[in-house]
Amino acid sequence: MANSSGSVTNQAIQVLQGPYITNTYGGGIQCQGPTRNFTPYVTGSASASKPYEPYYDDPVYDISDINEDGLIDNPGDILFTKKTRTGQKDNYSLGVGFSMTWSTPTDKTLQDLCKRAASTQIELTNQIVANKRLDFEIARLKNCGELKLKGIQFHPRSPYYSVCADVVVNNPPGHKHPHVHAIPSVSSSSGRQSAIPVQPHSSDAALLGAPLTTK
């Protein structure tokens, strides 16, 4: 009995180089930098025969020639069988590794110019954001101040009370609070005018509604 078997396995690793990494900063500015590609891989294969038979029964025939006539006395008779290894086994293979490529631009001057343009674009964007913030704060100050002068404001328990909470309305420049106004009057005797100070407020009820007197 003769057995023959064979198998061929072809395995290949393909390395694909990706494009350069591109960074976009707005304003149409795009910069590409060096790229490193690291590709690990694991390969494996297995082969087996079914059904699995590690041994087979090998018959031992009766080849006795008792009468010595040159002929087997009991041709075809099996005296016994013996276990014989088939040599059958499973085959496994495992491969582990990695591939690596490095890609870099050849013109470094263009890279430096692109980096400078990107830095300028970032500074410009930050300045635009700062200007927008300033416009928002000035508009909030103006609107909250005008509303407070009119006596309009959010309730302290309102979730929007904090919008105008830090806006303070002061007197116009050159004015003090509280202050006293002088009211000129005509004297009946001398014809001269005198200024009578007016009290800003009084807690005496007798003074309320009293006629003005001249000095």
C-alpha atoms as a PDB file:
ATOM      1  CA  MET A   1       0.000   0.000   0.000  1.00  0.00           C
ATOM      2  CA  ALA A   2       1.440   3.352  -1.034  1.00  0.00           C
ATOM      3  CA  ASN A   3       0.019   6.769  -0.181  1.00  0.00           C
ATOM      4  CA  SER A   4       1.070  10.008  -1.758  1.00  0.00           C
ATOM      5  CA  SER A   5      -0.119  13.482  -0.957  1.00  0.00           C
ATOM      6  CA  GLY A   6       1.118  16.983  -1.499  1.00  0.00           C
ATOM      7  CA  SER A   7       0.076  20.592  -1.094  1.00  0.00           C
ATOM      8  CA  VAL A   8       1.460  23.933  -2.158  1.00  0.00           C
ATOM      9  CA  THR A   9       0.710  27.183  -0.319  1.00  0.00           C
ATOM     10  CA  ASN A  10       1.663  30.587  -1.699  1.00  0.00           C
ATOM     11  CA  GLN A  11       1.609  33.573   0.637  1.00  0.00           C
ATOM     12  CA  ALA A  12       2.550  37.147  -0.179  1.00  0.00           C
ATOM     13  CA  ILE A  13       2.606  40.442   1.723  1.00  0.00           C
ATOM     14  CA  GLN A  14       1.638  43.574  -0.198  1.00  0.00           C
ATOM     15  CA  VAL A  15       2.793  46.968   1.089  1.00  0.00           C
ATOM     16  CA  LEU A  16       0.709  49.946  -0.043  1.00  0.00           C
ATOM     17  CA  GLN A  17       2.113  53.424   0.443  1.00  0.00           C
ATOM     18  CA  GLY A  18      -0.562  55.877   1.471  1.00  0.00           C
ATOM     19  CA  PRO A  19      -0.704  59.541   0.438  1.00  0.00           C
ATOM     20  CA  TYR A  20       0.986  62.300   2.383  1.00  0.00           C
ATOM     21  CA  ILE A  21      -0.879  63.564   5.444  1.00  0.00           C
ATOM     22  CA  THR A  22      -2.478  66.909   4.544  1.00  0.00           C
ATOM     23  CA  ASN A  23      -3.229  69.588   7.160  1.00  0.00           C
ATOM     24  CA  THR A  24      -5.696  72.352   6.258  1.00  0.00           C
ATOM     25  CA  TYR A  25      -5.578  75.691   8.112  1.00  0.00           C
ATOM     26  CA  GLY A  26      -8.226  77.699   6.284  1.00  0.00           C
ATOM     27  CA  GLY A  27      -7.735  80.395   3.699  1.00  0.00           C
ATOM     28  CA  GLY A  28      -6.765  77.771   1.138  1.00  0.00           C
ATOM     29  CA  ILE A  29      -3.556  76.849   3.027  1.00  0.00           C
ATOM     30  CA  GLN A  30      -2.728  73.146   3.002  1.00  0.00           C
ATOM     31  CA  CYS A  31       0.547  71.595   4.132  1.00  0.00           C
ATOM     32  CA  GLN A  32       1.774  68.064   3.553  1.00  0.00           C
ATOM     33  CA  GLY A  33       4.295  66.493   5.872  1.00  0.00           C
ATOM     34  CA  PRO A  34       6.423  63.363   5.869  1.00  0.00           C
ATOM     35  CA  THR A  35       4.587  60.089   6.233  1.00  0.00           C
ATOM     36  CA  ARG A  36       5.666  56.924   8.006  1.00  0.00           C
ATOM     37  CA  ASN A  37       3.763  53.740   7.191  1.00  0.00           C
ATOM     38  CA  PHE A  38       3.980  50.874   9.648  1.00  0.00           C
ATOM     39  CA  THR A  39       2.161  47.702   8.590  1.00  0.00           C
ATOM     40  CA  PRO A  40       2.217  44.691  10.903  1.00  0.00           C
ATOM     41  CA  TYR A  41       0.947  41.379   9.598  1.00  0.00           C
ATOM     42  CA  VAL A  42       0.312  37.852  10.802  1.00  0.00           C
ATOM     43  CA  THR A  43      -0.042  34.893   8.479  1.00  0.00           C
ATOM     44  CA  GLY A  44      -0.897  31.339   9.226  1.00  0.00           C
ATOM     45  CA  SER A  45      -1.975  28.112   7.561  1.00  0.00           C
ATOM     46  CA  ALA A  46      -3.178  24.700   8.639  1.00  0.00           C
ATOM     47  CA  SER A  47      -3.642  21.426   6.786  1.00  0.00           C
ATOM     48  CA  ALA A  48      -5.171  18.161   8.012  1.00  0.00           C
ATOM     49  CA  SER A  49      -6.523  14.887   6.637  1.00  0.00           C
ATOM     50  CA  LYS A  50      -9.993  13.646   7.469  1.00  0.00           C
ATOM     51  CA  PRO A  51     -10.728  11.210   8.948  1.00  0.00           C
ATOM     52  CA  TYR A  52      -7.712  11.171  11.157  1.00  0.00           C
ATOM     53  CA  GLU A  53      -6.225   7.629  11.390  1.00  0.00           C
ATOM     54  CA  PRO A  54      -2.941   7.426  13.292  1.00  0.00           C
ATOM     55  CA  TYR A  55      -2.737   3.604  12.911  1.00  0.00           C
ATOM     56  CA  TYR A  56      -4.059   0.954  10.554  1.00  0.00           C
ATOM     57  CA  ASP A  57      -4.332  -2.836  10.927  1.00  0.00           C
ATOM     58  CA  ASP A  58      -1.584  -4.525   8.930  1.00  0.00           C
ATOM     59  CA  PRO A  59      -2.495  -8.250   8.363  1.00  0.00           C
ATOM     60  CA  VAL A  60       0.111 -10.947   8.887  1.00  0.00           C
ATOM     61  CA  TYR A  61      -0.558 -13.912   6.518  1.00  0.00           C
ATOM     62  CA  ASP A  62       0.142 -17.591   7.148  1.00  0.00           C
ATOM     63  CA  ILE A  63       3.055 -18.485   4.918  1.00  0.00           C
ATOM     64  CA  SER A  64       3.868 -21.809   6.572  1.00  0.00           C
ATOM     65  CA  ASP A  65       4.954 -24.800   4.430  1.00  0.00           C
ATOM     66  CA  ILE A  66       4.905 -27.751   6.703  1.00  0.00           C
ATOM     67  CA  ASN A  67       5.389 -30.465   4.046  1.00  0.00           C
ATOM     68  CA  GLU A  68       8.123 -28.450   2.412  1.00  0.00           C
ATOM     69  CA  ASP A  69       6.711 -28.813  -1.040  1.00  0.00           C
ATOM     70  CA  GLY A  70       7.308 -25.229  -1.843  1.00  0.00           C
ATOM     71  CA  LEU A  71       3.681 -24.321  -1.603  1.00  0.00           C
ATOM     72  CA  ILE A  72       1.962 -22.344   1.160  1.00  0.00           C
ATOM     73  CA  ASP A  73      -0.217 -24.671   3.103  1.00  0.00           C
ATOM     74  CA  ASN A  74      -2.946 -22.080   3.930  1.00  0.00           C
ATOM     75  CA  PRO A  75      -2.737 -19.320   1.382  1.00  0.00           C
ATOM     76  CA  GLY A  76      -4.735 -16.223   2.272  1.00  0.00           C
ATOM     77  CA  ASP A  77      -5.090 -17.106   5.908  1.00  0.00           C
ATOM     78  CA  ILE A  78      -4.416 -14.204   8.310  1.00  0.00           C
ATOM     79  CA  LEU A  79      -2.675 -15.207  11.437  1.00  0.00           C
ATOM     80  CA  PHE A  80      -3.129 -11.829  13.170  1.00  0.00           C
ATOM     81  CA  THR A  81      -3.015  -8.095  12.530  1.00  0.00           C
ATOM     82  CA  LYS A  82      -0.555  -5.592  13.868  1.00  0.00           C
ATOM     83  CA  LYS A  83      -0.844  -1.881  14.423  1.00  0.00           C
ATOM     84  CA  THR A  84       1.148   0.140  11.946  1.00  0.00           C
ATOM     85  CA  ARG A  85       1.574   3.914  12.148  1.00  0.00           C
ATOM     86  CA  THR A  86       0.159   5.813   9.209  1.00  0.00           C
ATOM     87  CA  GLY A  87       2.380   8.851   9.705  1.00  0.00           C
ATOM     88  CA  GLN A  88      -0.653  11.053   9.258  1.00  0.00           C
ATOM     89  CA  LYS A  89      -0.345  14.412  11.044  1.00  0.00           C
ATOM     90  CA  ASP A  90      -1.707  17.962  10.947  1.00  0.00           C
ATOM     91  CA  ASN A  91       0.511  20.722   9.602  1.00  0.00           C
ATOM     92  CA  TYR A  92       0.441  24.261  10.947  1.00  0.00           C
ATOM     93  CA  SER A  93       2.475  27.328  10.064  1.00  0.00           C
ATOM     94  CA  LEU A  94       2.558  30.829  11.552  1.00  0.00           C
ATOM     95  CA  GLY A  95       4.317  33.928  10.283  1.00  0.00           C
ATOM     96  CA  VAL A  96       4.578  37.253  12.102  1.00  0.00           C
ATOM     97  CA  GLY A  97       6.303  40.396  10.900  1.00  0.00           C
ATOM     98  CA  PHE A  98       5.896  43.979   9.797  1.00  0.00           C
ATOM     99  CA  SER A  99       6.740  46.213   6.888  1.00  0.00           C
ATOM    100  CA  MET A 100       7.706  49.848   7.149  1.00  0.00           C
ATOM    101  CA  THR A 101       8.122  52.672   4.635  1.00  0.00           C
ATOM    102  CA  TRP A 102       9.186  56.297   5.066  1.00  0.00           C
ATOM    103  CA  SER A 103       8.115  59.006   2.652  1.00  0.00           C
ATOM    104  CA  THR A 104       9.428  62.559   2.865  1.00  0.00           C
ATOM    105  CA  PRO A 105       9.222  65.551   0.492  1.00  0.00           C
ATOM    106  CA  THR A 106      12.407  66.589  -1.253  1.00  0.00           C
ATOM    107  CA  ASP A 107      11.856  70.384  -1.200  1.00  0.00           C
ATOM    108  CA  LYS A 108      12.134  71.603   2.404  1.00  0.00           C
ATOM    109  CA  THR A 109      11.775  75.267   1.393  1.00  0.00           C
ATOM    110  CA  LEU A 110       8.166  74.747   0.359  1.00  0.00           C
ATOM    111  CA  GLN A 111       7.488  73.051   3.681  1.00  0.00           C
ATOM    112  CA  ASP A 112       8.918  76.016   5.628  1.00  0.00           C
ATOM    113  CA  LEU A 113       6.903  78.524   3.592  1.00  0.00           C
ATOM    114  CA  CYS A 114       3.739  76.538   4.152  1.00  0.00           C
ATOM    115  CA  LYS A 115       4.391  76.405   7.904  1.00  0.00           C
ATOM    116  CA  ARG A 116       4.894  80.178   8.023  1.00  0.00           C
ATOM    117  CA  ALA A 117       1.686  80.734   6.075  1.00  0.00           C
ATOM    118  CA  ALA A 118      -0.143  78.382   8.428  1.00  0.00           C
ATOM    119  CA  SER A 119       1.118  80.292  11.493  1.00  0.00           C
ATOM    120  CA  THR A 120       0.024  83.596   9.970  1.00  0.00           C
ATOM    121  CA  GLN A 121      -3.391  82.187   9.145  1.00  0.00           C
ATOM    122  CA  ILE A 122      -3.827  80.964  12.731  1.00  0.00           C
ATOM    123  CA  GLU A 123      -2.909  84.405  14.116  1.00  0.00           C
ATOM    124  CA  LEU A 124      -5.345  86.048  11.701  1.00  0.00           C
ATOM    125  CA  THR A 125      -8.122  83.685  12.749  1.00  0.00           C
ATOM    126  CA  ASN A 126      -7.450  84.376  16.435  1.00  0.00           C
ATOM    127  CA  GLN A 127      -7.587  88.137  15.790  1.00  0.00           C
ATOM    128  CA  ILE A 128     -10.901  87.817  13.949  1.00  0.00           C
ATOM    129  CA  VAL A 129     -12.321  85.865  16.880  1.00  0.00           C
ATOM    130  CA  ALA A 130     -11.071  88.550  19.304  1.00  0.00           C
ATOM    131  CA  ASN A 131     -12.700  91.292  17.192  1.00  0.00           C
ATOM    132  CA  LYS A 132     -15.995  89.406  17.148  1.00  0.00           C
ATOM    133  CA  ARG A 133     -15.791  89.031  20.917  1.00  0.00           C
ATOM    134  CA  LEU A 134     -15.146  92.745  21.354  1.00  0.00           C
ATOM    135  CA  ASP A 135     -18.112  93.634  19.097  1.00  0.00           C
ATOM    136  CA  PHE A 136     -20.330  91.334  21.146  1.00  0.00           C
ATOM    137  CA  GLU A 137     -19.257  92.836  24.486  1.00  0.00           C
ATOM    138  CA  ILE A 138     -19.677  96.431  23.242  1.00  0.00           C
ATOM    139  CA  ALA A 139     -23.154  95.643  21.882  1.00  0.00           C
ATOM    140  CA  ARG A 140     -24.108  93.963  25.157  1.00  0.00           C
ATOM    141  CA  LEU A 141     -22.835  96.937  27.164  1.00  0.00           C
ATOM    142  CA  LYS A 142     -24.741  99.429  25.014  1.00  0.00           C
ATOM    143  CA  ASN A 143     -28.040  97.566  24.989  1.00  0.00           C
ATOM    144  CA  CYS A 144     -27.950  96.673  28.684  1.00  0.00           C
ATOM    145  CA  GLY A 145     -27.078 100.255  29.627  1.00  0.00           C
ATOM    146  CA  GLU A 146     -29.934 101.741  27.582  1.00  0.00           C
ATOM    147  CA  LEU A 147     -32.395  99.257  29.055  1.00  0.00           C
ATOM    148  CA  LYS A 148     -31.265  99.973  32.618  1.00  0.00           C
ATOM    149  CA  LEU A 149     -31.700 103.717  32.047  1.00  0.00           C
ATOM    150  CA  LYS A 150     -35.293 102.984  31.072  1.00  0.00           C
ATOM    151  CA  GLY A 151     -35.793 100.811  34.140  1.00  0.00           C
ATOM    152  CA  ILE A 152     -35.962  97.576  32.173  1.00  0.00           C
ATOM    153  CA  GLN A 153     -34.007  94.602  33.427  1.00  0.00           C
ATOM    154  CA  PHE A 154     -34.273  90.866  33.945  1.00  0.00           C
ATOM    155  CA  HIS A 155     -35.676  89.473  37.152  1.00  0.00           C
ATOM    156  CA  PRO A 156     -32.891  88.350  39.520  1.00  0.00           C
ATOM    157  CA  ARG A 157     -34.229  84.800  39.350  1.00  0.00           C
ATOM    158  CA  SER A 158     -34.261  84.804  35.575  1.00  0.00           C
ATOM    159  CA  PRO A 159     -31.636  82.580  33.894  1.00  0.00           C
ATOM    160  CA  TYR A 160     -30.761  85.605  31.714  1.00  0.00           C
ATOM    161  CA  TYR A 161     -30.153  87.961  34.628  1.00  0.00           C
ATOM    162  CA  SER A 162     -26.415  87.391  34.347  1.00  0.00           C
ATOM    163  CA  VAL A 163     -26.392  88.794  30.797  1.00  0.00           C
ATOM    164  CA  CYS A 164     -26.525  92.375  32.107  1.00  0.00           C
ATOM    165  CA  ALA A 165     -25.465  91.747  35.714  1.00  0.00           C
ATOM    166  CA  ASP A 166     -22.010  93.285  35.235  1.00  0.00           C
ATOM    167  CA  VAL A 167     -23.233  96.433  33.439  1.00  0.00           C
ATOM    168  CA  VAL A 168     -23.164  99.536  35.665  1.00  0.00           C
ATOM    169  CA  VAL A 169     -24.922 102.789  34.728  1.00  0.00           C
ATOM    170  CA  ASN A 170     -23.219 105.894  36.194  1.00  0.00           C
ATOM    171  CA  ASN A 171     -24.033 109.636  36.032  1.00  0.00           C
ATOM    172  CA  PRO A 172     -22.897 111.496  32.940  1.00  0.00           C
ATOM    173  CA  PRO A 173     -19.399 113.050  33.190  1.00  0.00           C
ATOM    174  CA  GLY A 174     -19.284 116.265  35.299  1.00  0.00           C
ATOM    175  CA  HIS A 175     -22.361 115.405  37.367  1.00  0.00           C
ATOM    176  CA  LYS A 176     -22.458 114.374  40.996  1.00  0.00           C
ATOM    177  CA  HIS A 177     -25.140 112.506  42.843  1.00  0.00           C
ATOM    178  CA  PRO A 178     -26.776 113.756  45.024  1.00  0.00           C
ATOM    179  CA  HIS A 179     -26.452 117.415  44.025  1.00  0.00           C
ATOM    180  CA  VAL A 180     -28.198 120.789  44.732  1.00  0.00           C
ATOM    181  CA  HIS A 181     -29.613 123.158  42.120  1.00  0.00           C
ATOM    182  CA  ALA A 182     -29.771 126.950  42.705  1.00  0.00           C
ATOM    183  CA  ILE A 183     -33.118 128.573  41.714  1.00  0.00           C
ATOM    184  CA  PRO A 184     -32.861 132.330  40.985  1.00  0.00           C
ATOM    185  CA  SER A 185     -35.637 134.595  42.319  1.00  0.00           C
ATOM    186  CA  VAL A 186     -36.487 138.325  41.932  1.00  0.00           C
ATOM    187  CA  SER A 187     -36.365 140.443  45.127  1.00  0.00           C
ATOM    188  CA  SER A 188     -39.275 142.883  45.575  1.00  0.00           C
ATOM    189  CA  SER A 189     -37.218 145.471  47.467  1.00  0.00           C
ATOM    190  CA  SER A 190     -33.906 145.709  45.676  1.00  0.00           C
ATOM    191  CA  GLY A 191     -34.744 144.063  42.372  1.00  0.00           C
ATOM    192  CA  ARG A 192     -31.741 141.811  42.744  1.00  0.00           C
ATOM    193  CA  GLN A 193     -31.835 138.100  42.163  1.00  0.00           C
ATOM    194  CA  SER A 194     -30.733 135.656  44.816  1.00  0.00           C
ATOM    195  CA  ALA A 195     -30.225 131.960  44.733  1.00  0.00           C
ATOM    196  CA  ILE A 196     -32.214 129.827  47.088  1.00  0.00           C
ATOM    197  CA  PRO A 197     -30.784 126.411  47.765  1.00  0.00           C
ATOM    198  CA  VAL A 198     -33.308 123.669  47.409  1.00  0.00           C
ATOM    199  CA  GLN A 199     -32.992 120.744  49.695  1.00  0.00           C
ATOM    200  CA  PRO A 200     -32.666 117.522  47.781  1.00  0.00           C
ATOM    201  CA  HIS A 201     -35.059 115.765  50.152  1.00  0.00           C
ATOM    202  CA  SER A 202     -36.771 116.318  53.524  1.00  0.00           C
ATOM    203  CA  SER A 203     -38.222 113.998  56.072  1.00  0.00           C
ATOM    204  CA  ASP A 204     -40.260 116.799  57.758  1.00  0.00           C
ATOM    205  CA  ALA A 205     -43.889 116.762  56.640  1.00  0.00           C
ATOM    206  CA  ALA A 206     -44.307 120.451  57.582  1.00  0.00           C
ATOM    207  CA  LEU A 207     -41.808 121.460  54.944  1.00  0.00           C
ATOM    208  CA  LEU A 208     -43.584 119.606  52.222  1.00  0.00           C
ATOM    209  CA  GLY A 209     -45.616 122.049  50.171  1.00  0.00           C
ATOM    210  CA  ALA A 210     -44.415 125.109  52.112  1.00  0.00           C
ATOM    211  CA  PRO A 211     -44.013 128.334  50.075  1.00  0.00           C
ATOM    212  CA  LEU A 212     -40.551 129.289  48.986  1.00  0.00           C
ATOM    213  CA  THR A 213     -38.905 132.182  50.859  1.00  0.00           C
ATOM    214  CA  THR A 214     -36.281 134.563  49.622  1.00  0.00           C
ATOM    215  CA  LYS A 215     -33.311 135.875  51.436  1.00  0.00           C
END
